[in-house]
Amino acid sequence: MPLIELRNVSKAFDRLVVLRNLTLSIEEGHSLVVIGASGTGKSVLLKHIVGLLKPDEGEVYFDGQRIDTLRQRDLVPIRQQFGFLFQMGALFDSLTVADNVGFPLREHTTKSSEEIDDIVRQKLRMVGLPDVGKKMPGQLSGGQRKRVALARAIALGPRVILYDEPTTGLDPIRSDVINELIVKLQKSLNVTSITVTHDMQSAFKIADRIVMLDDGKIVFDGTPKQIQEESNPVVRRFVEGEASEEELNQIHGRP
């Protein structure tokens, strides 16, 4: 049984249709990367998976339980099984690094301060930042802030980690560090990873499976090797970073 399943999910905002009858199953322990141009429904897909949005049509399941019909309070224990690395990290600037990482533990568990401190130290070691607990986020580099945010995302021991554009704003070397951490955590924690990204180099490194969305539908579903051999022109242009003839004509004013 898949850990996460979307069945015939459709979602629109007024007249803008974002997801169109989308069906997707995600196996536990796998690393799925979701790619596609801006506005194709990637972030909306993530929000359905964690119950932040409900489909207009279709069904969403987590671990065999339908979640799109649950009340908000009944979604809380399910959401606690997810860690989320936001695009810009979303750390609390007024809290120390240690307090940022420990925040979900204080909010959602009854653990003692000593237990929380131990977990915080453990998670910071896992992301390669054992000595920054007393610092403020403003004292860290962009890459370090992302790693602290990742330590916070795994603080509750999630089964699933959602990554929203994890390498945005980072140089290639810092991006590679984040990619290595995603691979490391998936293996060491046996988590399921779902990553939304435009970074194909990142996708090739971290993915067991790549899904591409276009116009709210899945236009590719396969391995990194298979997508490099894909003949669909929409997929090929995205992978190779090439504009379409129509887009080039618009730029140059050609009919």
Protein backbone atom coordinates (compact mmCIF):
# COMPACT_ATOMS: atom_id res chain seq x y z
CA MET A 1 0.00 0.00 0.00
CA PRO A 2 1.38 3.44 -0.88
CA LEU A 3 2.18 5.78 2.02
CA ILE A 4 0.63 8.74 0.16
CA GLU A 5 -1.98 8.57 -2.55
CA LEU A 6 -3.89 11.16 -4.56
CA ARG A 7 -6.81 9.79 -6.57
CA ASN A 8 -8.29 11.85 -9.41
CA VAL A 9 -7.56 15.13 -7.62
CA SER A 10 -8.70 18.37 -9.22
CA LYS A 11 -8.26 21.88 -7.80
CA ALA A 12 -9.18 25.30 -9.16
CA PHE A 13 -8.98 28.82 -7.79
CA ASP A 14 -11.87 30.71 -9.39
CA ARG A 15 -11.38 30.04 -13.10
CA LEU A 16 -7.74 29.00 -12.80
CA VAL A 17 -7.53 25.21 -12.90
CA VAL A 18 -4.32 24.11 -11.15
CA LEU A 19 -4.68 20.32 -10.83
CA ARG A 20 -6.62 18.27 -13.37
CA ASN A 21 -7.78 14.78 -12.38
CA LEU A 22 -4.32 13.99 -10.99
CA THR A 23 -3.53 10.50 -9.65
CA LEU A 24 -0.25 9.84 -7.85
CA SER A 25 1.01 7.13 -5.47
CA ILE A 26 4.16 7.53 -3.36
CA GLU A 27 5.84 4.54 -1.73
CA GLU A 28 7.32 4.78 1.76
CA GLY A 29 11.08 5.32 1.90
CA HIS A 30 11.34 6.67 -1.64
CA SER A 31 12.64 10.05 -2.81
CA LEU A 32 10.21 11.71 -5.22
CA VAL A 33 11.10 14.92 -7.04
CA VAL A 34 8.32 17.04 -8.58
CA ILE A 35 9.38 19.36 -11.40
CA GLY A 36 7.56 21.69 -13.75
CA ALA A 37 7.36 25.32 -14.81
CA SER A 38 6.07 27.97 -12.42
CA GLY A 39 2.32 27.81 -11.97
CA THR A 40 1.93 24.16 -12.96
CA GLY A 41 0.62 23.05 -9.55
CA LYS A 42 3.70 21.78 -7.71
CA SER A 43 3.21 23.69 -4.45
CA VAL A 44 -0.55 23.09 -4.60
CA LEU A 45 0.22 19.38 -4.82
CA LEU A 46 2.35 19.58 -1.65
CA LYS A 47 -0.43 21.40 0.20
CA HIS A 48 -2.90 18.65 -0.67
CA ILE A 49 -0.49 15.98 0.58
CA VAL A 50 -0.25 17.63 4.02
CA GLY A 51 -3.91 18.63 4.19
CA LEU A 52 -3.47 22.39 3.88
CA LEU A 53 -5.75 22.35 0.83
CA LYS A 54 -8.73 20.16 0.06
CA PRO A 55 -9.46 19.00 -3.49
CA ASP A 56 -12.52 20.18 -5.39
CA GLU A 57 -12.77 16.62 -6.65
CA GLY A 58 -10.90 13.44 -5.80
CA GLU A 59 -9.42 11.89 -2.67
CA VAL A 60 -6.16 12.12 -0.68
CA TYR A 61 -4.85 9.29 1.50
CA PHE A 62 -2.02 9.01 4.03
CA ASP A 63 -1.02 5.56 5.30
CA GLY A 64 -4.33 4.13 4.11
CA GLN A 65 -6.48 6.80 5.78
CA ARG A 66 -8.44 9.33 3.75
CA ILE A 67 -7.39 12.78 5.00
CA ASP A 68 -9.10 15.31 2.73
CA THR A 69 -12.39 14.86 4.61
CA LEU A 70 -10.88 15.21 8.12
CA ARG A 71 -11.50 18.16 10.42
CA GLN A 72 -8.53 20.43 11.20
CA ARG A 73 -8.06 19.02 14.71
CA ASP A 74 -8.02 15.46 13.35
CA LEU A 75 -5.31 16.45 10.87
CA VAL A 76 -2.89 17.54 13.63
CA PRO A 77 -1.47 14.07 14.44
CA ILE A 78 -1.07 13.36 10.72
CA ARG A 79 0.74 16.64 10.07
CA GLN A 80 3.13 15.85 12.92
CA GLN A 81 4.40 12.97 10.77
CA PHE A 82 5.57 15.51 8.18
CA GLY A 83 8.62 17.75 8.27
CA PHE A 84 8.64 20.79 5.97
CA LEU A 85 11.67 22.67 4.69
CA PHE A 86 10.33 25.98 3.40
CA GLN A 87 11.87 27.71 0.40
CA MET A 88 13.52 30.49 2.43
CA GLY A 89 13.96 28.49 5.64
CA ALA A 90 11.36 30.48 7.65
CA LEU A 91 13.39 30.60 10.86
CA PHE A 92 12.24 32.80 13.74
CA ASP A 93 14.74 35.69 13.78
CA SER A 94 14.09 36.44 17.45
CA LEU A 95 14.96 32.91 18.63
CA THR A 96 18.36 31.27 18.88
CA VAL A 97 19.20 28.39 16.55
CA ALA A 98 18.62 25.90 19.37
CA ASP A 99 15.22 27.42 20.20
CA ASN A 100 14.25 27.34 16.51
CA VAL A 101 15.07 23.63 16.24
CA GLY A 102 13.37 22.88 19.55
CA PHE A 103 10.23 24.88 18.74
CA PRO A 104 8.13 21.98 17.33
CA LEU A 105 9.13 19.79 20.27
CA ARG A 106 7.93 22.39 22.76
CA GLU A 107 4.73 22.96 20.82
CA HIS A 108 3.73 19.37 20.15
CA THR A 109 5.30 17.16 22.84
CA THR A 110 5.51 16.93 26.63
CA LYS A 111 9.25 16.28 26.63
CA SER A 112 11.35 17.89 29.35
CA SER A 113 13.77 20.72 28.61
CA GLU A 114 16.68 18.31 29.03
CA GLU A 115 15.19 15.85 26.52
CA ILE A 116 14.53 18.65 24.05
CA ASP A 117 18.08 19.98 24.43
CA ASP A 118 19.46 16.51 23.70
CA ILE A 119 17.33 16.13 20.58
CA VAL A 120 18.29 19.61 19.37
CA ARG A 121 21.99 18.79 19.71
CA GLN A 122 21.46 15.49 17.89
CA LYS A 123 19.60 17.11 14.97
CA LEU A 124 22.16 19.90 14.60
CA ARG A 125 24.93 17.28 14.46
CA MET A 126 23.00 15.46 11.74
CA VAL A 127 23.07 18.56 9.51
CA GLY A 128 26.74 19.23 10.28
CA LEU A 129 26.23 22.26 12.58
CA PRO A 130 26.98 21.03 16.11
CA ASP A 131 28.29 24.35 17.43
CA VAL A 132 25.74 26.96 16.32
CA GLY A 133 22.97 26.39 18.88
CA LYS A 134 23.56 29.66 20.74
CA LYS A 135 23.77 31.80 17.61
CA MET A 136 20.94 33.84 16.12
CA PRO A 137 19.76 33.13 12.56
CA GLY A 138 21.09 36.51 11.42
CA GLN A 139 24.61 35.37 12.30
CA LEU A 140 24.47 32.46 9.86
CA SER A 141 25.06 32.19 6.13
CA GLY A 142 22.19 31.34 3.79
CA GLY A 143 23.33 27.73 3.52
CA GLN A 144 23.63 27.40 7.29
CA ARG A 145 20.12 28.79 7.79
CA LYS A 146 18.77 26.18 5.37
CA ARG A 147 20.52 23.45 7.34
CA VAL A 148 19.13 24.75 10.63
CA ALA A 149 15.66 24.79 9.07
CA LEU A 150 16.23 21.20 8.00
CA ALA A 151 17.25 20.26 11.56
CA ARG A 152 13.95 21.78 12.74
CA ALA A 153 12.05 19.86 10.05
CA ILE A 154 13.34 16.53 11.40
CA ALA A 155 13.00 17.42 15.10
CA LEU A 156 9.78 15.44 15.58
CA GLY A 157 11.11 12.38 13.78
CA PRO A 158 8.83 12.66 10.73
CA ARG A 159 8.01 9.85 8.32
CA VAL A 160 7.87 12.30 5.41
CA ILE A 161 9.96 15.39 4.64
CA LEU A 162 8.61 17.92 2.15
CA TYR A 163 11.20 20.15 0.50
CA ASP A 164 9.98 23.29 -1.30
CA GLU A 165 12.76 24.52 -3.62
CA PRO A 166 15.48 23.60 -1.08
CA THR A 167 18.40 25.00 -3.10
CA THR A 168 16.82 28.36 -4.03
CA GLY A 169 19.18 31.28 -3.37
CA LEU A 170 22.24 29.09 -2.80
CA ASP A 171 25.42 28.90 -4.85
CA PRO A 172 26.24 25.56 -6.54
CA ILE A 173 28.50 24.36 -3.71
CA ARG A 174 25.99 25.15 -0.94
CA SER A 175 23.27 23.61 -3.09
CA ASP A 176 25.28 20.42 -3.31
CA VAL A 177 25.59 20.35 0.50
CA ILE A 178 21.80 20.50 0.80
CA ASN A 179 21.44 17.76 -1.83
CA GLU A 180 23.87 15.55 0.10
CA LEU A 181 21.90 16.14 3.29
CA ILE A 182 18.62 15.19 1.61
CA VAL A 183 20.17 11.90 0.44
CA LYS A 184 21.81 11.28 3.83
CA LEU A 185 18.65 11.90 5.84
CA GLN A 186 16.51 9.77 3.57
CA LYS A 187 18.84 6.83 4.14
CA SER A 188 19.75 7.35 7.80
CA LEU A 189 16.22 8.19 8.97
CA ASN A 190 14.41 5.98 6.41
CA VAL A 191 12.08 8.84 5.57
CA THR A 192 10.03 9.49 2.47
CA SER A 193 11.26 12.61 0.67
CA ILE A 194 9.11 14.76 -1.63
CA THR A 195 10.97 17.64 -3.24
CA VAL A 196 9.65 20.42 -5.45
CA THR A 197 12.47 21.97 -7.45
CA HIS A 198 13.46 23.69 -10.70
CA ASP A 199 17.08 22.58 -10.20
CA MET A 200 17.63 19.61 -12.51
CA GLN A 201 21.12 18.93 -11.14
CA SER A 202 19.55 18.60 -7.70
CA ALA A 203 16.74 16.42 -9.08
CA PHE A 204 19.19 13.99 -10.69
CA LYS A 205 21.16 13.68 -7.47
CA ILE A 206 18.38 13.13 -4.93
CA ALA A 207 15.55 11.43 -6.85
CA ASP A 208 14.58 7.79 -7.03
CA ARG A 209 11.68 8.98 -9.17
CA ILE A 210 10.83 12.21 -10.99
CA VAL A 211 7.33 13.44 -11.79
CA MET A 212 6.78 16.42 -14.08
CA LEU A 213 3.63 18.52 -14.00
CA ASP A 214 2.37 20.59 -16.92
CA ASP A 215 -0.99 22.31 -17.04
CA GLY A 216 -2.04 20.52 -13.84
CA LYS A 217 -1.37 17.04 -15.23
CA ILE A 218 1.47 14.54 -14.95
CA VAL A 219 3.35 14.49 -18.26
CA PHE A 220 6.29 12.37 -17.06
CA ASP A 221 6.74 9.77 -14.31
CA GLY A 222 9.96 7.79 -14.20
CA THR A 223 13.58 7.54 -13.07
CA PRO A 224 16.29 10.19 -13.53
CA LYS A 225 17.80 8.02 -16.28
CA GLN A 226 14.46 7.73 -18.07
CA ILE A 227 13.79 11.47 -18.05
CA GLN A 228 17.15 12.11 -19.70
CA GLU A 229 16.04 9.80 -22.53
CA GLU A 230 12.47 11.17 -22.75
CA SER A 231 11.33 12.37 -26.19
CA ASN A 232 8.31 14.47 -25.12
CA PRO A 233 9.29 18.00 -26.26
CA VAL A 234 7.74 19.68 -23.19
CA VAL A 235 9.81 17.46 -20.89
CA ARG A 236 12.95 17.78 -23.01
CA ARG A 237 12.82 21.60 -23.02
CA PHE A 238 12.44 21.73 -19.26
CA VAL A 239 15.27 19.27 -18.59
CA GLU A 240 17.58 21.08 -20.98
CA GLY A 241 16.44 24.58 -19.97
CA GLU A 242 15.42 25.63 -23.46
CA ALA A 243 12.63 28.09 -24.31
CA SER A 244 10.02 27.04 -26.86
CA GLU A 245 9.90 28.56 -30.33
CA GLU A 246 6.69 30.37 -29.36
CA GLU A 247 8.34 31.91 -26.30
CA LEU A 248 11.35 33.03 -28.32
CA ASN A 249 9.09 34.58 -30.93
CA GLN A 250 7.28 36.56 -28.22
CA ILE A 251 10.58 37.93 -26.90
CA HIS A 252 11.84 38.94 -30.34
CA GLY A 253 8.49 40.24 -31.56
CA ARG A 254 8.21 37.68 -34.33
CA PRO A 255 4.79 36.48 -35.52
